[in-house]
PDB file of N, CA and C in Angstrom:
ATOM      1  N   MET A   1      27.068  32.473  39.855  1.00  0.00           N
ATOM      2  CA  MET A   1      26.136  32.745  38.784  1.00  0.00           C
ATOM      3  C   MET A   1      26.708  32.305  37.437  1.00  0.00           C
ATOM      4  N   LYS A   2      28.001  32.558  37.257  1.00  0.00           N
ATOM      5  CA  LYS A   2      28.634  32.180  35.993  1.00  0.00           C
ATOM      6  C   LYS A   2      28.629  30.662  35.830  1.00  0.00           C
ATOM      7  N   ARG A   3      28.862  29.947  36.923  1.00  0.00           N
ATOM      8  CA  ARG A   3      28.879  28.486  36.866  1.00  0.00           C
ATOM      9  C   ARG A   3      27.476  27.944  36.562  1.00  0.00           C
ATOM     10  N   ALA A   4      26.446  28.498  37.140  1.00  0.00           N
ATOM     11  CA  ALA A   4      25.075  28.055  36.892  1.00  0.00           C
ATOM     12  C   ALA A   4      24.694  28.278  35.424  1.00  0.00           C
ATOM     13  N   THR A   5      25.136  29.388  34.867  1.00  0.00           N
ATOM     14  CA  THR A   5      24.862  29.666  33.459  1.00  0.00           C
ATOM     15  C   THR A   5      25.561  28.648  32.564  1.00  0.00           C
ATOM     16  N   ALA A   6      26.803  28.305  32.894  1.00  0.00           N
ATOM     17  CA  ALA A   6      27.558  27.327  32.106  1.00  0.00           C
ATOM     18  C   ALA A   6      26.905  25.951  32.174  1.00  0.00           C
ATOM     19  N   ILE A   7      26.437  25.573  33.359  1.00  0.00           N
ATOM     20  CA  ILE A   7      25.767  24.276  33.513  1.00  0.00           C
ATOM     21  C   ILE A   7      24.456  24.262  32.724  1.00  0.00           C
ATOM     22  N   LEU A   8      23.686  25.330  32.810  1.00  0.00           N
ATOM     23  CA  LEU A   8      22.428  25.419  32.070  1.00  0.00           C
ATOM     24  C   LEU A   8      22.683  25.350  30.561  1.00  0.00           C
ATOM     25  N   LEU A   9      23.691  26.037  30.091  1.00  0.00           N
ATOM     26  CA  LEU A   9      24.037  25.999  28.669  1.00  0.00           C
ATOM     27  C   LEU A   9      24.454  24.591  28.247  1.00  0.00           C
ATOM     28  N   ALA A  10      25.226  23.885  29.069  1.00  0.00           N
ATOM     29  CA  ALA A  10      25.646  22.512  28.755  1.00  0.00           C
ATOM     30  C   ALA A  10      24.434  21.578  28.685  1.00  0.00           C
ATOM     31  N   VAL A  11      23.491  21.736  29.596  1.00  0.00           N
ATOM     32  CA  VAL A  11      22.287  20.904  29.597  1.00  0.00           C
ATOM     33  C   VAL A  11      21.465  21.162  28.332  1.00  0.00           C
ATOM     34  N   ILE A  12      21.325  22.409  27.955  1.00  0.00           N
ATOM     35  CA  ILE A  12      20.569  22.743  26.743  1.00  0.00           C
ATOM     36  C   ILE A  12      21.237  22.136  25.513  1.00  0.00           C
ATOM     37  N   ILE A  13      22.550  22.202  25.439  1.00  0.00           N
ATOM     38  CA  ILE A  13      23.273  21.632  24.292  1.00  0.00           C
ATOM     39  C   ILE A  13      23.087  20.120  24.247  1.00  0.00           C
ATOM     40  N   VAL A  14      23.215  19.448  25.371  1.00  0.00           N
ATOM     41  CA  VAL A  14      23.062  17.989  25.418  1.00  0.00           C
ATOM     42  C   VAL A  14      21.650  17.579  25.027  1.00  0.00           C
ATOM     43  N   LEU A  15      20.653  18.306  25.448  1.00  0.00           N
ATOM     44  CA  LEU A  15      19.272  17.957  25.138  1.00  0.00           C
ATOM     45  C   LEU A  15      18.898  18.234  23.682  1.00  0.00           C
ATOM     46  N   THR A  16      19.529  19.215  23.052  1.00  0.00           N
ATOM     47  CA  THR A  16      19.170  19.541  21.669  1.00  0.00           C
ATOM     48  C   THR A  16      19.966  18.754  20.638  1.00  0.00           C
ATOM     49  N   ILE A  17      21.106  18.226  20.958  1.00  0.00           N
ATOM     50  CA  ILE A  17      21.910  17.483  19.978  1.00  0.00           C
ATOM     51  C   ILE A  17      21.192  16.219  19.505  1.00  0.00           C
ATOM     52  N   PRO A  18      20.679  15.345  20.372  1.00  0.00           N
ATOM     53  CA  PRO A  18      19.992  14.152  19.853  1.00  0.00           C
ATOM     54  C   PRO A  18      18.762  14.488  19.013  1.00  0.00           C
ATOM     55  N   THR A  19      17.992  15.481  19.406  1.00  0.00           N
ATOM     56  CA  THR A  19      16.813  15.871  18.644  1.00  0.00           C
ATOM     57  C   THR A  19      17.206  16.332  17.253  1.00  0.00           C
ATOM     58  N   THR A  20      18.233  17.140  17.155  1.00  0.00           N
ATOM     59  CA  THR A  20      18.699  17.627  15.866  1.00  0.00           C
ATOM     60  C   THR A  20      19.222  16.482  15.015  1.00  0.00           C
ATOM     61  N   ALA A  21      19.950  15.556  15.607  1.00  0.00           N
ATOM     62  CA  ALA A  21      20.527  14.443  14.851  1.00  0.00           C
ATOM     63  C   ALA A  21      19.437  13.528  14.314  1.00  0.00           C
ATOM     64  N   PHE A  22      18.414  13.248  15.094  1.00  0.00           N
ATOM     65  CA  PHE A  22      17.365  12.341  14.660  1.00  0.00           C
ATOM     66  C   PHE A  22      16.360  13.000  13.723  1.00  0.00           C
ATOM     67  N   ALA A  23      16.273  14.294  13.728  1.00  0.00           N
ATOM     68  CA  ALA A  23      15.311  14.977  12.877  1.00  0.00           C
ATOM     69  C   ALA A  23      15.605  14.749  11.398  1.00  0.00           C
ATOM     70  N   ALA A  24      16.861  14.495  11.034  1.00  0.00           N
ATOM     71  CA  ALA A  24      17.235  14.316   9.634  1.00  0.00           C
ATOM     72  C   ALA A  24      16.943  12.902   9.137  1.00  0.00           C
ATOM     73  N   ILE A  25      16.644  11.969  10.015  1.00  0.00           N
ATOM     74  CA  ILE A  25      16.388  10.591   9.623  1.00  0.00           C
ATOM     75  C   ILE A  25      14.930  10.450   9.207  1.00  0.00           C
ATOM     76  N   THR A  26      14.716   9.903   8.017  1.00  0.00           N
ATOM     77  CA  THR A  26      13.360   9.689   7.529  1.00  0.00           C
ATOM     78  C   THR A  26      13.037   8.204   7.617  1.00  0.00           C
ATOM     79  N   ALA A  27      11.912   7.890   8.217  1.00  0.00           N
ATOM     80  CA  ALA A  27      11.504   6.494   8.389  1.00  0.00           C
ATOM     81  C   ALA A  27      10.804   6.003   7.129  1.00  0.00           C
ATOM     82  N   LEU A  28      10.941   4.710   6.883  1.00  0.00           N
ATOM     83  CA  LEU A  28      10.288   4.067   5.766  1.00  0.00           C
ATOM     84  C   LEU A  28       9.765   2.732   6.246  1.00  0.00           C
ATOM     85  N   GLU A  29       8.509   2.452   5.942  1.00  0.00           N
ATOM     86  CA  GLU A  29       7.908   1.178   6.326  1.00  0.00           C
ATOM     87  C   GLU A  29       7.344   0.513   5.076  1.00  0.00           C
ATOM     88  N   ILE A  30       7.741  -0.765   4.845  1.00  0.00           N
ATOM     89  CA  ILE A  30       7.287  -1.523   3.686  1.00  0.00           C
ATOM     90  C   ILE A  30       6.539  -2.752   4.200  1.00  0.00           C
ATOM     91  N   LEU A  31       5.266  -2.859   3.844  1.00  0.00           N
ATOM     92  CA  LEU A  31       4.412  -3.927   4.352  1.00  0.00           C
ATOM     93  C   LEU A  31       3.829  -4.739   3.190  1.00  0.00           C
ATOM     94  N   PRO A  32       4.481  -5.851   2.797  1.00  0.00           N
ATOM     95  CA  PRO A  32       3.961  -6.677   1.705  1.00  0.00           C
ATOM     96  C   PRO A  32       2.995  -7.744   2.214  1.00  0.00           C
ATOM     97  N   ASP A  33       2.148  -8.254   1.302  1.00  0.00           N
ATOM     98  CA  ASP A  33       1.250  -9.346   1.653  1.00  0.00           C
ATOM     99  C   ASP A  33       0.935 -10.146   0.390  1.00  0.00           C
ATOM    100  N   LEU A  34       0.827 -11.461   0.541  1.00  0.00           N
ATOM    101  CA  LEU A  34       0.484 -12.363  -0.554  1.00  0.00           C
ATOM    102  C   LEU A  34      -0.555 -13.335  -0.013  1.00  0.00           C
ATOM    103  N   VAL A  35      -1.796 -13.227  -0.515  1.00  0.00           N
ATOM    104  CA  VAL A  35      -2.920 -14.017  -0.002  1.00  0.00           C
ATOM    105  C   VAL A  35      -3.526 -14.807  -1.151  1.00  0.00           C
ATOM    106  N   PHE A  36      -3.830 -16.096  -0.886  1.00  0.00           N
ATOM    107  CA  PHE A  36      -4.424 -16.955  -1.900  1.00  0.00           C
ATOM    108  C   PHE A  36      -5.874 -17.259  -1.535  1.00  0.00           C
ATOM    109  N   ASN A  37      -6.745 -17.210  -2.566  1.00  0.00           N
ATOM    110  CA  ASN A  37      -8.141 -17.563  -2.399  1.00  0.00           C
ATOM    111  C   ASN A  37      -8.540 -18.316  -3.669  1.00  0.00           C
ATOM    112  N   GLY A  38      -8.644 -19.629  -3.559  1.00  0.00           N
ATOM    113  CA  GLY A  38      -8.910 -20.436  -4.751  1.00  0.00           C
ATOM    114  C   GLY A  38      -7.728 -20.341  -5.695  1.00  0.00           C
ATOM    115  N   THR A  39      -7.979 -19.926  -6.929  1.00  0.00           N
ATOM    116  CA  THR A  39      -6.894 -19.784  -7.903  1.00  0.00           C
ATOM    117  C   THR A  39      -6.569 -18.314  -8.177  1.00  0.00           C
ATOM    118  N   THR A  40      -6.840 -17.464  -7.177  1.00  0.00           N
ATOM    119  CA  THR A  40      -6.491 -16.044  -7.284  1.00  0.00           C
ATOM    120  C   THR A  40      -5.540 -15.676  -6.150  1.00  0.00           C
ATOM    121  N   ALA A  41      -4.448 -15.035  -6.524  1.00  0.00           N
ATOM    122  CA  ALA A  41      -3.524 -14.474  -5.530  1.00  0.00           C
ATOM    123  C   ALA A  41      -3.780 -12.982  -5.466  1.00  0.00           C
ATOM    124  N   THR A  42      -3.833 -12.444  -4.266  1.00  0.00           N
ATOM    125  CA  THR A  42      -3.901 -10.999  -4.091  1.00  0.00           C
ATOM    126  C   THR A  42      -2.524 -10.545  -3.628  1.00  0.00           C
ATOM    127  N   CYS A  43      -1.889  -9.738  -4.456  1.00  0.00           N
ATOM    128  CA  CYS A  43      -0.541  -9.228  -4.198  1.00  0.00           C
ATOM    129  C   CYS A  43      -0.680  -7.794  -3.706  1.00  0.00           C
ATOM    130  N   GLU A  44      -0.174  -7.522  -2.517  1.00  0.00           N
ATOM    131  CA  GLU A  44      -0.347  -6.194  -1.934  1.00  0.00           C
ATOM    132  C   GLU A  44       0.952  -5.683  -1.350  1.00  0.00           C
ATOM    133  N   VAL A  45       1.065  -4.353  -1.346  1.00  0.00           N
ATOM    134  CA  VAL A  45       2.142  -3.700  -0.621  1.00  0.00           C
ATOM    135  C   VAL A  45       1.673  -2.307  -0.219  1.00  0.00           C
ATOM    136  N   THR A  46       2.046  -1.941   0.993  1.00  0.00           N
ATOM    137  CA  THR A  46       1.869  -0.583   1.483  1.00  0.00           C
ATOM    138  C   THR A  46       3.253  -0.065   1.827  1.00  0.00           C
ATOM    139  N   VAL A  47       3.597   1.096   1.285  1.00  0.00           N
ATOM    140  CA  VAL A  47       4.885   1.726   1.584  1.00  0.00           C
ATOM    141  C   VAL A  47       4.578   3.088   2.184  1.00  0.00           C
ATOM    142  N   LEU A  48       5.075   3.302   3.393  1.00  0.00           N
ATOM    143  CA  LEU A  48       4.802   4.532   4.129  1.00  0.00           C
ATOM    144  C   LEU A  48       6.086   5.291   4.392  1.00  0.00           C
ATOM    145  N   GLY A  49       6.107   6.542   3.998  1.00  0.00           N
ATOM    146  CA  GLY A  49       7.213   7.425   4.336  1.00  0.00           C
ATOM    147  C   GLY A  49       6.896   8.189   5.604  1.00  0.00           C
ATOM    148  N   ASP A  50       7.802   9.048   5.988  1.00  0.00           N
ATOM    149  CA  ASP A  50       7.643   9.849   7.197  1.00  0.00           C
ATOM    150  C   ASP A  50       6.899  11.158   6.928  1.00  0.00           C
ATOM    151  N   ASN A  51       7.040  11.646   5.708  1.00  0.00           N
ATOM    152  CA  ASN A  51       6.493  12.954   5.361  1.00  0.00           C
ATOM    153  C   ASN A  51       5.720  12.875   4.050  1.00  0.00           C
ATOM    154  N   THR A  52       4.816  13.823   3.843  1.00  0.00           N
ATOM    155  CA  THR A  52       4.071  13.868   2.593  1.00  0.00           C
ATOM    156  C   THR A  52       4.952  14.289   1.426  1.00  0.00           C
ATOM    157  N   THR A  53       6.149  14.751   1.696  1.00  0.00           N
ATOM    158  CA  THR A  53       7.076  15.146   0.628  1.00  0.00           C
ATOM    159  C   THR A  53       8.005  14.010   0.216  1.00  0.00           C
ATOM    160  N   ASP A  54       7.971  12.859   0.917  1.00  0.00           N
ATOM    161  CA  ASP A  54       8.808  11.714   0.544  1.00  0.00           C
ATOM    162  C   ASP A  54       8.292  11.134  -0.767  1.00  0.00           C
ATOM    163  N   TYR A  55       9.173  11.035  -1.768  1.00  0.00           N
ATOM    164  CA  TYR A  55       8.764  10.482  -3.061  1.00  0.00           C
ATOM    165  C   TYR A  55       9.091   8.995  -3.089  1.00  0.00           C
ATOM    166  N   ILE A  56       8.073   8.173  -3.366  1.00  0.00           N
ATOM    167  CA  ILE A  56       8.189   6.719  -3.298  1.00  0.00           C
ATOM    168  C   ILE A  56       7.822   6.120  -4.651  1.00  0.00           C
ATOM    169  N   GLU A  57       8.709   5.263  -5.178  1.00  0.00           N
ATOM    170  CA  GLU A  57       8.442   4.511  -6.399  1.00  0.00           C
ATOM    171  C   GLU A  57       8.471   3.028  -6.037  1.00  0.00           C
ATOM    172  N   VAL A  58       7.465   2.277  -6.472  1.00  0.00           N
ATOM    173  CA  VAL A  58       7.344   0.870  -6.092  1.00  0.00           C
ATOM    174  C   VAL A  58       7.161   0.007  -7.344  1.00  0.00           C
ATOM    175  N   THR A  59       7.909  -1.096  -7.398  1.00  0.00           N
ATOM    176  CA  THR A  59       7.702  -2.128  -8.413  1.00  0.00           C
ATOM    177  C   THR A  59       7.424  -3.428  -7.682  1.00  0.00           C
ATOM    178  N   MET A  60       6.282  -4.037  -7.980  1.00  0.00           N
ATOM    179  CA  MET A  60       5.863  -5.292  -7.353  1.00  0.00           C
ATOM    180  C   MET A  60       5.796  -6.345  -8.454  1.00  0.00           C
ATOM    181  N   LYS A  61       6.404  -7.511  -8.209  1.00  0.00           N
ATOM    182  CA  LYS A  61       6.410  -8.590  -9.202  1.00  0.00           C
ATOM    183  C   LYS A  61       5.999  -9.901  -8.555  1.00  0.00           C
ATOM    184  N   LEU A  62       5.201 -10.683  -9.295  1.00  0.00           N
ATOM    185  CA  LEU A  62       4.821 -12.020  -8.863  1.00  0.00           C
ATOM    186  C   LEU A  62       5.577 -13.024  -9.724  1.00  0.00           C
ATOM    187  N   TRP A  63       6.236 -13.990  -9.057  1.00  0.00           N
ATOM    188  CA  TRP A  63       7.080 -14.983  -9.719  1.00  0.00           C
ATOM    189  C   TRP A  63       6.597 -16.393  -9.406  1.00  0.00           C
ATOM    190  N   ARG A  64       6.750 -17.283 -10.385  1.00  0.00           N
ATOM    191  CA  ARG A  64       6.653 -18.725 -10.162  1.00  0.00           C
ATOM    192  C   ARG A  64       7.988 -19.276 -10.657  1.00  0.00           C
ATOM    193  N   GLY A  65       8.810 -19.715  -9.707  1.00  0.00           N
ATOM    194  CA  GLY A  65      10.170 -20.112 -10.058  1.00  0.00           C
ATOM    195  C   GLY A  65      10.930 -18.898 -10.571  1.00  0.00           C
ATOM    196  N   SER A  66      11.579 -19.036 -11.731  1.00  0.00           N
ATOM    197  CA  SER A  66      12.333 -17.923 -12.308  1.00  0.00           C
ATOM    198  C   SER A  66      11.523 -17.153 -13.353  1.00  0.00           C
ATOM    199  N   THR A  67      10.224 -17.453 -13.439  1.00  0.00           N
ATOM    200  CA  THR A  67       9.356 -16.792 -14.423  1.00  0.00           C
ATOM    201  C   THR A  67       8.550 -15.684 -13.746  1.00  0.00           C
ATOM    202  N   CYS A  68       8.697 -14.473 -14.261  1.00  0.00           N
ATOM    203  CA  CYS A  68       7.903 -13.347 -13.760  1.00  0.00           C
ATOM    204  C   CYS A  68       6.540 -13.395 -14.433  1.00  0.00           C
ATOM    205  N   LEU A  69       5.486 -13.525 -13.627  1.00  0.00           N
ATOM    206  CA  LEU A  69       4.123 -13.634 -14.140  1.00  0.00           C
ATOM    207  C   LEU A  69       3.448 -12.283 -14.335  1.00  0.00           C
ATOM    208  N   ASN A  70       3.695 -11.368 -13.417  1.00  0.00           N
ATOM    209  CA  ASN A  70       3.075 -10.042 -13.470  1.00  0.00           C
ATOM    210  C   ASN A  70       4.027  -9.011 -12.888  1.00  0.00           C
ATOM    211  N   THR A  71       3.959  -7.800 -13.419  1.00  0.00           N
ATOM    212  CA  THR A  71       4.708  -6.659 -12.889  1.00  0.00           C
ATOM    213  C   THR A  71       3.758  -5.480 -12.772  1.00  0.00           C
ATOM    214  N   TRP A  72       3.791  -4.822 -11.617  1.00  0.00           N
ATOM    215  CA  TRP A  72       2.975  -3.631 -11.393  1.00  0.00           C
ATOM    216  C   TRP A  72       3.866  -2.535 -10.826  1.00  0.00           C
ATOM    217  N   THR A  73       3.612  -1.298 -11.216  1.00  0.00           N
ATOM    218  CA  THR A  73       4.377  -0.169 -10.691  1.00  0.00           C
ATOM    219  C   THR A  73       3.422   0.936 -10.256  1.00  0.00           C
ATOM    220  N   ASP A  74       3.878   1.714  -9.296  1.00  0.00           N
ATOM    221  CA  ASP A  74       3.127   2.876  -8.840  1.00  0.00           C
ATOM    222  C   ASP A  74       4.102   3.806  -8.142  1.00  0.00           C
ATOM    223  N   ASP A  75       3.702   5.054  -7.995  1.00  0.00           N
ATOM    224  CA  ASP A  75       4.523   6.010  -7.263  1.00  0.00           C
ATOM    225  C   ASP A  75       3.616   7.029  -6.596  1.00  0.00           C
ATOM    226  N   GLY A  76       4.205   7.764  -5.677  1.00  0.00           N
ATOM    227  CA  GLY A  76       3.434   8.778  -4.982  1.00  0.00           C
ATOM    228  C   GLY A  76       4.260   9.480  -3.932  1.00  0.00           C
ATOM    229  N   TYR A  77       3.642  10.446  -3.294  1.00  0.00           N
ATOM    230  CA  TYR A  77       4.282  11.208  -2.227  1.00  0.00           C
ATOM    231  C   TYR A  77       3.691  10.796  -0.886  1.00  0.00           C
ATOM    232  N   GLY A  78       4.552  10.425   0.040  1.00  0.00           N
ATOM    233  CA  GLY A  78       4.121  10.080   1.396  1.00  0.00           C
ATOM    234  C   GLY A  78       3.778   8.621   1.586  1.00  0.00           C
ATOM    235  N   TYR A  79       3.036   8.027   0.636  1.00  0.00           N
ATOM    236  CA  TYR A  79       2.688   6.605   0.737  1.00  0.00           C
ATOM    237  C   TYR A  79       2.295   6.069  -0.635  1.00  0.00           C
ATOM    238  N   VAL A  80       2.413   4.757  -0.772  1.00  0.00           N
ATOM    239  CA  VAL A  80       1.917   4.059  -1.963  1.00  0.00           C
ATOM    240  C   VAL A  80       1.239   2.786  -1.469  1.00  0.00           C
ATOM    241  N   PHE A  81       0.049   2.507  -1.991  1.00  0.00           N
ATOM    242  CA  PHE A  81      -0.652   1.258  -1.702  1.00  0.00           C
ATOM    243  C   PHE A  81      -1.013   0.615  -3.028  1.00  0.00           C
ATOM    244  N   MET A  82      -0.673  -0.662  -3.186  1.00  0.00           N
ATOM    245  CA  MET A  82      -1.064  -1.426  -4.361  1.00  0.00           C
ATOM    246  C   MET A  82      -1.693  -2.736  -3.913  1.00  0.00           C
ATOM    247  N   SER A  83      -2.763  -3.122  -4.581  1.00  0.00           N
ATOM    248  CA  SER A  83      -3.404  -4.411  -4.361  1.00  0.00           C
ATOM    249  C   SER A  83      -3.844  -4.917  -5.719  1.00  0.00           C
ATOM    250  N   LYS A  84      -3.211  -6.006  -6.182  1.00  0.00           N
ATOM    251  CA  LYS A  84      -3.463  -6.512  -7.529  1.00  0.00           C
ATOM    252  C   LYS A  84      -3.769  -8.003  -7.486  1.00  0.00           C
ATOM    253  N   PRO A  85      -4.787  -8.440  -8.252  1.00  0.00           N
ATOM    254  CA  PRO A  85      -5.087  -9.869  -8.346  1.00  0.00           C
ATOM    255  C   PRO A  85      -4.254 -10.521  -9.448  1.00  0.00           C
ATOM    256  N   ALA A  86      -4.013 -11.820  -9.291  1.00  0.00           N
ATOM    257  CA  ALA A  86      -3.316 -12.589 -10.322  1.00  0.00           C
ATOM    258  C   ALA A  86      -3.857 -14.010 -10.317  1.00  0.00           C
ATOM    259  N   ASN A  87      -3.965 -14.597 -11.491  1.00  0.00           N
ATOM    260  CA  ASN A  87      -4.380 -16.001 -11.604  1.00  0.00           C
ATOM    261  C   ASN A  87      -3.207 -16.906 -11.249  1.00  0.00           C
ATOM    262  N   VAL A  88      -3.471 -17.907 -10.408  1.00  0.00           N
ATOM    263  CA  VAL A  88      -2.422 -18.833  -9.963  1.00  0.00           C
ATOM    264  C   VAL A  88      -2.963 -20.262 -10.027  1.00  0.00           C
ATOM    265  N   THR A  89      -2.067 -21.223  -9.817  1.00  0.00           N
ATOM    266  CA  THR A  89      -2.420 -22.636  -9.872  1.00  0.00           C
ATOM    267  C   THR A  89      -2.264 -23.258  -8.492  1.00  0.00           C
ATOM    268  N   LYS A  90      -3.280 -23.999  -8.074  1.00  0.00           N
ATOM    269  CA  LYS A  90      -3.205 -24.663  -6.768  1.00  0.00           C
ATOM    270  C   LYS A  90      -2.002 -25.593  -6.712  1.00  0.00           C
ATOM    271  N   GLY A  91      -1.372 -25.625  -5.539  1.00  0.00           N
ATOM    272  CA  GLY A  91      -0.224 -26.487  -5.316  1.00  0.00           C
ATOM    273  C   GLY A  91       1.106 -25.874  -5.724  1.00  0.00           C
ATOM    274  N   GLN A  92       1.096 -24.740  -6.417  1.00  0.00           N
ATOM    275  CA  GLN A  92       2.333 -24.090  -6.855  1.00  0.00           C
ATOM    276  C   GLN A  92       2.798 -23.076  -5.805  1.00  0.00           C
ATOM    277  N   THR A  93       4.111 -22.866  -5.758  1.00  0.00           N
ATOM    278  CA  THR A  93       4.705 -21.873  -4.858  1.00  0.00           C
ATOM    279  C   THR A  93       5.023 -20.605  -5.653  1.00  0.00           C
ATOM    280  N   TYR A  94       4.719 -19.475  -5.057  1.00  0.00           N
ATOM    281  CA  TYR A  94       4.904 -18.174  -5.704  1.00  0.00           C
ATOM    282  C   TYR A  94       5.739 -17.274  -4.812  1.00  0.00           C
ATOM    283  N   LYS A  95       6.376 -16.308  -5.468  1.00  0.00           N
ATOM    284  CA  LYS A  95       7.212 -15.339  -4.756  1.00  0.00           C
ATOM    285  C   LYS A  95       6.765 -13.939  -5.171  1.00  0.00           C
ATOM    286  N   LEU A  96       6.613 -13.068  -4.191  1.00  0.00           N
ATOM    287  CA  LEU A  96       6.283 -11.674  -4.443  1.00  0.00           C
ATOM    288  C   LEU A  96       7.501 -10.835  -4.082  1.00  0.00           C
ATOM    289  N   THR A  97       7.997 -10.041  -5.041  1.00  0.00           N
ATOM    290  CA  THR A  97       9.136  -9.164  -4.758  1.00  0.00           C
ATOM    291  C   THR A  97       8.680  -7.714  -4.807  1.00  0.00           C
ATOM    292  N   ILE A  98       9.253  -6.925  -3.925  1.00  0.00           N
ATOM    293  CA  ILE A  98       8.941  -5.502  -3.835  1.00  0.00           C
ATOM    294  C   ILE A  98      10.252  -4.735  -3.929  1.00  0.00           C
ATOM    295  N   ASP A  99      10.343  -3.868  -4.940  1.00  0.00           N
ATOM    296  CA  ASP A  99      11.494  -2.973  -5.078  1.00  0.00           C
ATOM    297  C   ASP A  99      11.008  -1.546  -4.857  1.00  0.00           C
ATOM    298  N   VAL A 100      11.713  -0.828  -3.984  1.00  0.00           N
ATOM    299  CA  VAL A 100      11.307   0.529  -3.622  1.00  0.00           C
ATOM    300  C   VAL A 100      12.475   1.482  -3.855  1.00  0.00           C
ATOM    301  N   ILE A 101      12.149   2.595  -4.493  1.00  0.00           N
ATOM    302  CA  ILE A 101      13.087   3.723  -4.572  1.00  0.00           C
ATOM    303  C   ILE A 101      12.473   4.823  -3.728  1.00  0.00           C
ATOM    304  N   PHE A 102      13.206   5.215  -2.691  1.00  0.00           N
ATOM    305  CA  PHE A 102      12.699   6.146  -1.689  1.00  0.00           C
ATOM    306  C   PHE A 102      13.530   7.420  -1.733  1.00  0.00           C
ATOM    307  N   ASN A 103      12.901   8.516  -2.140  1.00  0.00           N
ATOM    308  CA  ASN A 103      13.614   9.791  -2.293  1.00  0.00           C
ATOM    309  C   ASN A 103      14.870   9.622  -3.139  1.00  0.00           C
ATOM    310  N   GLY A 104      14.756   8.838  -4.221  1.00  0.00           N
ATOM    311  CA  GLY A 104      15.865   8.660  -5.149  1.00  0.00           C
ATOM    312  C   GLY A 104      16.870   7.589  -4.773  1.00  0.00           C
ATOM    313  N   VAL A 105      16.664   6.904  -3.649  1.00  0.00           N
ATOM    314  CA  VAL A 105      17.603   5.882  -3.173  1.00  0.00           C
ATOM    315  C   VAL A 105      16.927   4.516  -3.209  1.00  0.00           C
ATOM    316  N   ALA A 106      17.535   3.567  -3.930  1.00  0.00           N
ATOM    317  CA  ALA A 106      16.993   2.204  -4.001  1.00  0.00           C
ATOM    318  C   ALA A 106      17.189   1.500  -2.665  1.00  0.00           C
ATOM    319  N   LYS A 107      16.136   0.878  -2.177  1.00  0.00           N
ATOM    320  CA  LYS A 107      16.176   0.118  -0.929  1.00  0.00           C
ATOM    321  C   LYS A 107      16.347  -1.370  -1.244  1.00  0.00           C
ATOM    322  N   PRO A 108      16.803  -2.166  -0.275  1.00  0.00           N
ATOM    323  CA  PRO A 108      16.941  -3.610  -0.518  1.00  0.00           C
ATOM    324  C   PRO A 108      15.595  -4.240  -0.875  1.00  0.00           C
ATOM    325  N   ARG A 109      15.651  -5.213  -1.781  1.00  0.00           N
ATOM    326  CA  ARG A 109      14.442  -5.909  -2.238  1.00  0.00           C
ATOM    327  C   ARG A 109      13.800  -6.674  -1.089  1.00  0.00           C
ATOM    328  N   ILE A 110      12.471  -6.601  -1.025  1.00  0.00           N
ATOM    329  CA  ILE A 110      11.683  -7.369  -0.058  1.00  0.00           C
ATOM    330  C   ILE A 110      11.066  -8.541  -0.815  1.00  0.00           C
ATOM    331  N   THR A 111      11.149  -9.748  -0.247  1.00  0.00           N
ATOM    332  CA  THR A 111      10.601 -10.945  -0.888  1.00  0.00           C
ATOM    333  C   THR A 111       9.777 -11.734   0.115  1.00  0.00           C
ATOM    334  N   ILE A 112       8.574 -12.152  -0.319  1.00  0.00           N
ATOM    335  CA  ILE A 112       7.789 -13.083   0.493  1.00  0.00           C
ATOM    336  C   ILE A 112       7.328 -14.223  -0.410  1.00  0.00           C
ATOM    337  N   ASP A 113       7.181 -15.417   0.168  1.00  0.00           N
ATOM    338  CA  ASP A 113       6.783 -16.614  -0.563  1.00  0.00           C
ATOM    339  C   ASP A 113       5.458 -17.140  -0.037  1.00  0.00           C
ATOM    340  N   GLY A 114       4.766 -17.864  -0.900  1.00  0.00           N
ATOM    341  CA  GLY A 114       3.523 -18.502  -0.478  1.00  0.00           C
ATOM    342  C   GLY A 114       3.144 -19.600  -1.448  1.00  0.00           C
ATOM    343  N   THR A 115       2.377 -20.571  -0.956  1.00  0.00           N
ATOM    344  CA  THR A 115       1.895 -21.663  -1.795  1.00  0.00           C
ATOM    345  C   THR A 115       0.389 -21.592  -1.889  1.00  0.00           C
ATOM    346  N   CYS A 116      -0.103 -21.701  -3.101  1.00  0.00           N
ATOM    347  CA  CYS A 116      -1.535 -21.655  -3.339  1.00  0.00           C
ATOM    348  C   CYS A 116      -2.174 -22.957  -2.880  1.00  0.00           C
TER     349      CYS A 116
END
C-alpha cells in the first residue's frame, strides 16, 4: 500500500509540473499586412495577447527607403488592431515596421516589404 501511494504521488507530481511551468508563459501573436490598391497602401497589424490583462503598445511605420512617411500608434489590453491608409507611388518599394511593447517588454521589430 505504501508503494502504491508513492507511485501515485510521483505520477501526480510529474503530471502537474509541466502544466505549472507552461501556465506562466504568455503567448503573443503579431500579424502585419501591407496591401496596395492603385496609389493607396493599406498598412495593418493585429497583435493578440493571451489574456485580456496583457497590455500591448504598438507603433506602426511606413517607410520608403530611409524616409519615414507615416507613423501610427495604438495601445490596448488583450489585442490591438490598426488599419491605416497611406498615399504611395506606383513602382516604389515600401517597408512597414511594427514595434510592440508587450506587458512592458519590447519585442523584436517586425518588418515586411512590398512594391506598389
